[in-house]
Protein backbone atom coordinates (compact mmCIF):
# COMPACT_ATOMS: atom_id res chain seq x y z
CA MET A 1 -2.33 57.41 141.12
CA ARG A 2 -1.10 59.77 143.80
CA ILE A 3 1.60 58.66 146.25
CA ALA A 4 2.56 60.71 149.29
CA ASN A 5 5.32 60.65 151.87
CA TYR A 6 3.05 60.87 154.90
CA ASP A 7 4.88 61.08 158.20
CA GLY A 8 7.70 59.06 156.66
CA ARG A 9 5.43 56.32 155.27
CA ALA A 10 4.45 55.59 151.68
CA THR A 11 0.78 56.45 151.32
CA LEU A 12 -1.76 56.09 148.52
CA VAL A 13 -3.81 59.28 148.25
CA THR A 14 -7.50 59.12 147.33
CA GLY A 15 -10.41 61.55 147.41
CA GLU A 16 -11.20 64.92 145.92
CA PRO A 17 -9.00 68.04 146.20
CA GLY A 18 -9.33 69.49 149.67
CA ALA A 19 -10.75 66.27 151.08
CA GLU A 20 -7.92 63.85 150.42
CA GLN A 21 -7.75 60.53 152.24
CA GLY A 22 -4.70 58.35 152.77
CA VAL A 23 -4.14 54.59 152.65
CA ASP A 24 -0.98 53.31 154.31
CA ILE A 25 0.59 51.08 151.65
CA ALA A 26 2.52 48.78 153.98
CA THR A 27 -0.58 48.15 156.09
CA ALA A 28 -2.88 47.71 153.09
CA THR A 29 -0.52 45.09 151.58
CA ASP A 30 0.10 43.23 154.86
CA GLY A 31 3.77 44.13 154.67
CA ARG A 32 4.33 43.14 151.04
CA PHE A 33 5.81 46.61 150.57
CA ARG A 34 7.92 48.34 153.19
CA PRO A 35 6.64 51.62 154.64
CA GLU A 36 9.64 53.76 153.61
CA PRO A 37 8.93 56.01 150.59
CA THR A 38 12.31 55.07 149.09
CA ASP A 39 11.12 51.47 148.85
CA THR A 40 8.20 52.62 146.72
CA TYR A 41 10.51 53.66 143.89
CA GLN A 42 12.69 50.59 144.20
CA ASN A 43 9.52 48.53 143.58
CA TRP A 44 7.74 50.94 141.27
CA THR A 45 6.47 48.43 138.70
CA GLU A 46 4.98 46.25 141.44
CA ILE A 47 3.45 49.27 143.22
CA VAL A 48 1.74 50.40 140.01
CA SER A 49 0.38 46.91 139.40
CA TRP A 50 -0.92 46.60 142.96
CA ALA A 51 -2.60 50.03 142.91
CA ALA A 52 -4.35 49.28 139.61
CA SER A 53 -6.28 46.41 141.17
CA PHE A 54 -6.59 47.74 144.73
CA ASP A 55 -10.16 48.26 145.99
CA VAL A 56 -9.99 51.63 147.70
CA SER A 57 -13.65 51.44 148.78
CA ALA A 58 -12.83 48.53 151.10
CA ALA A 59 -9.64 50.07 152.51
CA THR A 60 -9.02 51.73 155.86
CA THR A 61 -8.41 55.41 155.16
CA PHE A 62 -7.52 58.51 157.16
CA ALA A 63 -7.80 62.24 156.53
CA ILE A 64 -4.61 63.77 155.13
CA ASP A 65 -2.99 66.32 157.47
CA ARG A 66 -0.77 68.41 155.19
CA SER A 67 1.62 69.25 158.02
CA LYS A 68 2.72 65.58 157.99
CA LEU A 69 3.57 65.52 154.28
CA GLY A 70 7.22 65.32 153.25
CA ALA A 71 8.96 65.43 149.88
CA PRO A 72 7.56 62.55 147.79
CA SER A 73 11.07 61.16 147.20
CA PRO A 74 12.87 62.26 150.37
CA ALA A 75 16.21 60.46 149.95
CA PRO A 76 17.17 60.23 146.28
CA ARG A 77 20.62 59.04 145.26
CA GLN A 78 20.86 62.00 142.91
CA VAL A 79 19.20 65.39 142.51
CA PHE A 80 19.42 67.22 139.18
CA ALA A 81 18.39 70.85 138.73
CA ILE A 82 18.11 72.38 135.27
CA GLY A 83 18.83 76.03 134.52
CA LEU A 84 17.72 78.35 131.70
CA ASN A 85 15.11 75.90 130.40
CA TYR A 86 12.55 78.53 129.32
CA ASP A 87 13.43 81.15 126.71
CA GLU A 88 12.01 84.10 128.63
CA HIS A 89 13.75 83.03 131.84
CA ALA A 90 17.08 82.73 130.04
CA ALA A 91 16.57 86.25 128.67
CA GLU A 92 15.68 87.78 132.04
CA SER A 93 18.80 86.13 133.48
CA GLY A 94 21.01 87.71 130.81
CA PHE A 95 21.78 84.55 128.84
CA ASP A 96 21.07 83.16 125.41
CA SER A 97 18.77 80.14 125.37
CA PRO A 98 20.78 76.90 125.45
CA GLU A 99 21.05 74.99 122.18
CA ASN A 100 22.47 71.81 123.70
CA LEU A 101 21.83 70.43 127.18
CA PRO A 102 21.06 73.38 129.52
CA PRO A 103 23.08 74.00 132.69
CA VAL A 104 22.81 71.12 135.17
CA PHE A 105 23.56 71.52 138.89
CA THR A 106 22.36 69.94 142.11
CA LYS A 107 20.30 70.81 145.16
CA TYR A 108 21.45 68.92 148.23
CA VAL A 109 19.00 66.57 149.91
CA SER A 110 19.41 68.33 153.26
CA SER A 111 17.38 71.19 151.74
CA PHE A 112 14.36 68.95 151.01
CA SER A 113 11.06 69.54 152.77
CA GLY A 114 7.35 68.95 152.37
CA PRO A 115 4.76 71.25 150.82
CA ASP A 116 3.81 73.48 153.80
CA THR A 117 6.81 74.90 155.63
CA THR A 118 8.47 77.83 157.33
CA VAL A 119 11.76 78.86 155.72
CA VAL A 120 14.50 80.91 157.37
CA ILE A 121 16.03 83.68 155.26
CA PRO A 122 19.82 83.53 155.74
CA ASP A 123 21.22 86.62 157.42
CA GLY A 124 21.91 89.20 154.73
CA GLY A 125 20.59 86.92 152.01
CA ALA A 126 18.82 87.78 148.77
CA VAL A 127 16.29 84.94 148.56
CA ASP A 128 14.47 84.33 145.27
CA TRP A 129 11.69 82.03 144.09
CA GLU A 130 11.62 79.56 141.16
CA VAL A 131 8.53 77.39 140.77
CA GLU A 132 9.31 74.19 138.88
CA LEU A 133 7.80 70.95 137.66
CA VAL A 134 9.72 68.11 139.32
CA ALA A 135 10.03 64.62 137.85
CA VAL A 136 10.87 61.53 139.91
CA ILE A 137 12.51 58.51 138.29
CA GLY A 138 10.75 55.16 138.70
CA ARG A 139 12.96 52.81 136.71
CA GLU A 140 16.73 52.76 136.23
CA ALA A 141 17.76 54.55 133.04
CA THR A 142 21.05 54.36 131.15
CA ASP A 143 21.38 55.80 127.64
CA VAL A 144 17.64 55.74 126.93
CA SER A 145 16.05 57.42 123.93
CA GLU A 146 13.47 60.21 124.16
CA ASP A 147 10.85 57.72 122.98
CA GLN A 148 11.67 55.50 125.98
CA ALA A 149 12.22 58.26 128.53
CA TRP A 150 8.70 58.61 129.96
CA ASP A 151 8.68 54.86 130.70
CA HIS A 152 11.37 55.56 133.32
CA VAL A 153 9.48 58.37 135.09
CA ALA A 154 7.39 57.45 138.12
CA GLY A 155 5.51 60.72 138.23
CA LEU A 156 5.47 64.45 138.77
CA THR A 157 5.29 66.86 141.68
CA VAL A 158 5.51 70.57 142.44
CA GLY A 159 8.85 72.04 143.49
CA GLN A 160 10.38 75.35 144.46
CA ASP A 161 14.04 75.95 143.64
CA ILE A 162 14.44 78.62 146.32
CA SER A 163 17.72 80.42 145.69
CA GLU A 164 19.96 82.71 147.72
CA ARG A 165 21.48 84.84 144.98
CA ILE A 166 24.48 86.25 146.86
CA THR A 167 25.87 82.81 147.69
CA GLN A 168 24.89 81.50 144.26
CA THR A 169 26.86 84.14 142.34
CA ARG A 170 29.74 84.78 144.75
CA GLY A 171 33.14 84.34 143.04
CA PRO A 172 35.64 83.36 141.99
CA ALA A 173 33.22 80.74 140.59
CA PRO A 174 29.44 80.49 141.13
CA GLN A 175 28.19 78.29 143.98
CA PHE A 176 24.90 77.17 142.50
CA GLY A 177 24.51 74.06 144.66
CA LEU A 178 25.22 75.84 147.93
CA GLY A 179 23.14 78.92 147.10
CA LYS A 180 20.14 76.73 146.39
CA SER A 181 20.47 74.31 149.31
CA PHE A 182 19.91 76.18 152.57
CA PRO A 183 17.51 74.35 154.91
CA GLY A 184 14.00 74.28 153.46
CA PHE A 185 15.08 75.58 150.05
CA SER A 186 13.69 72.57 148.16
CA PRO A 187 10.02 72.17 149.16
CA GLN A 188 8.16 69.58 147.10
CA GLY A 189 4.77 67.97 147.01
CA PRO A 190 2.13 67.71 148.03
CA TRP A 191 2.44 64.22 146.49
CA LEU A 192 3.67 62.40 143.43
CA VAL A 193 1.12 62.23 140.60
CA THR A 194 1.41 59.66 137.81
CA THR A 195 1.06 61.04 134.31
CA ASP A 196 -2.22 59.26 133.61
CA GLU A 197 -3.78 61.58 136.21
CA VAL A 198 -3.04 64.79 134.27
CA ALA A 199 -4.62 66.01 131.06
CA ASP A 200 -1.33 66.46 129.17
CA ARG A 201 1.96 65.48 130.80
CA ASP A 202 3.83 67.87 128.46
CA ASP A 203 1.59 70.90 128.95
CA LEU A 204 0.89 71.84 132.56
CA GLU A 205 0.29 75.34 133.90
CA LEU A 206 2.52 76.42 136.79
CA GLY A 207 2.96 79.60 138.77
CA CYS A 208 3.54 81.24 142.12
CA SER A 209 2.48 84.31 144.08
CA ILE A 210 3.72 86.28 147.06
CA ASP A 211 0.98 87.37 149.46
CA GLY A 212 -1.52 86.94 146.63
CA GLU A 213 0.47 88.89 143.99
CA GLU A 214 1.29 86.73 140.97
CA MET A 215 5.02 86.46 140.31
CA GLN A 216 5.31 83.62 137.82
CA LYS A 217 2.94 81.93 135.42
CA GLY A 218 3.88 79.64 132.57
CA ARG A 219 3.26 76.34 130.83
CA THR A 220 5.56 73.36 130.64
CA ARG A 221 4.96 73.11 126.89
CA ASP A 222 7.44 76.00 126.73
CA LEU A 223 10.29 74.01 128.24
CA ILE A 224 13.22 74.19 125.83
CA PHE A 225 14.16 70.66 126.87
CA PRO A 226 10.99 68.83 127.97
CA ILE A 227 11.12 65.98 130.44
CA ALA A 228 11.68 63.24 127.85
CA ALA A 229 14.65 65.13 126.41
CA LEU A 230 16.11 65.80 129.87
CA VAL A 231 15.86 62.16 130.94
CA ALA A 232 17.40 60.98 127.68
CA GLU A 233 20.26 63.50 127.79
CA LEU A 234 21.05 62.93 131.46
CA SER A 235 21.00 59.16 130.99
CA ARG A 236 23.70 59.45 128.34
CA ASN A 237 26.07 60.83 130.98
CA VAL A 238 24.95 59.12 134.18
CA THR A 239 22.72 56.29 135.30
CA LEU A 240 19.41 57.51 136.69
CA TYR A 241 18.14 55.49 139.65
CA PRO A 242 14.64 54.95 141.05
CA GLY A 243 13.76 57.87 143.30
CA ASP A 244 16.15 60.33 141.62
CA VAL A 245 14.71 63.84 141.44
CA ILE A 246 14.87 66.25 138.49
CA PHE A 247 13.95 69.94 138.92
CA THR A 248 13.11 70.81 135.29
CA GLY A 249 13.58 74.59 135.29
CA THR A 250 11.57 77.72 136.02
CA PRO A 251 9.62 80.13 133.78
CA ALA A 252 10.18 83.89 133.73
CA GLY A 253 9.27 86.10 136.67
CA ILE A 254 12.05 85.60 139.22
CA GLY A 255 12.99 88.41 141.59
CA ALA A 256 16.53 88.75 140.27
CA GLY A 257 15.15 89.39 136.78
CA ARG A 258 13.07 92.39 137.84
CA GLU A 259 13.97 96.07 137.83
CA PRO A 260 14.40 96.87 140.63
CA LYS A 261 15.28 93.42 141.90
CA ARG A 262 12.76 91.97 144.33
CA PHE A 263 13.58 89.35 146.98
CA LEU A 264 11.59 87.55 149.64
CA GLN A 265 11.18 89.27 153.00
CA ALA A 266 10.43 87.95 156.48
CA GLY A 267 6.69 87.59 157.01
CA GLU A 268 5.87 86.98 153.34
CA HIS A 269 3.99 83.94 152.08
CA LEU A 270 4.92 82.15 148.86
CA ASP A 271 2.25 80.00 147.22
CA SER A 272 3.21 77.76 144.27
CA TRP A 273 1.02 75.53 142.12
CA ILE A 274 0.85 73.26 139.12
CA THR A 275 -2.55 72.48 137.66
CA GLY A 276 -3.51 68.84 138.16
CA ILE A 277 -0.83 68.22 140.79
CA GLY A 278 -1.25 70.58 143.74
CA GLU A 279 0.16 73.45 145.75
CA LEU A 280 3.06 74.43 148.00
CA HIS A 281 2.88 77.03 150.78
CA GLN A 282 5.99 78.60 152.30
CA THR A 283 6.22 81.28 154.99
CA PHE A 284 9.51 83.14 155.38
CA VAL A 285 11.06 84.30 158.66
CA ALA A 286 14.24 86.15 159.56
CA ALA A 287 17.26 84.31 160.91
CA THR A 288 17.68 84.62 164.66
CA LYS A 289 20.99 86.03 165.87
């Protein structure tokens, strides 16, 4: 099942890649479910049950216009971002790989956007890329085991943890949340994909390129703490709520890890992808003075 935030309405996505069609969930259920995407996660079990028996061939559909897609979970109660969750990325960042729970920080919801966007580079900023697999919670989770963790995940989407490195590392203490939360710095999408739609939920290929030049390429099997471990560990400290978003970490290949360092410039295009889920497309422009 694929669920999109289409023009602010929960939408079931059907059809082949490049020719996707949408079904408005509220309309198709005669108002049984509310149109807001947040309501989808609050009623996740019921949504899954409905979709399993829904006859798409008899439904009223419309062509998906990607410009109307928003983040699949646009208003989560909580956003968790995980650092140093691939060995090679930890090394390029100058750190040892974490042995316990990796660094956890947040990206503020005001930075959320859909899959195809224009992003302003802050004046004087050093803006970096970090393609990530993003998990969205579907059922409340408190102190769950790794064996139970996937039962609390609604699905997966593509994310970019765009990061302004000067703000992020400025002392006297790092400002991770602020450096990663400028407007448009958290594009996600194009939709949420349930794990039965992918070949192996623990082994997905992900990567990104700038103007066609590959910058990152990895596989989620190399996550130090895979999704089940992250959900279990987080749920021991906090309650995870339906719609909560988890950025799971980025593989090696960031601009700050290169010699010389390489950051995004106005006019460049960043394309990100995860096999079996979809793509993001960001264009960067200079701040106006």
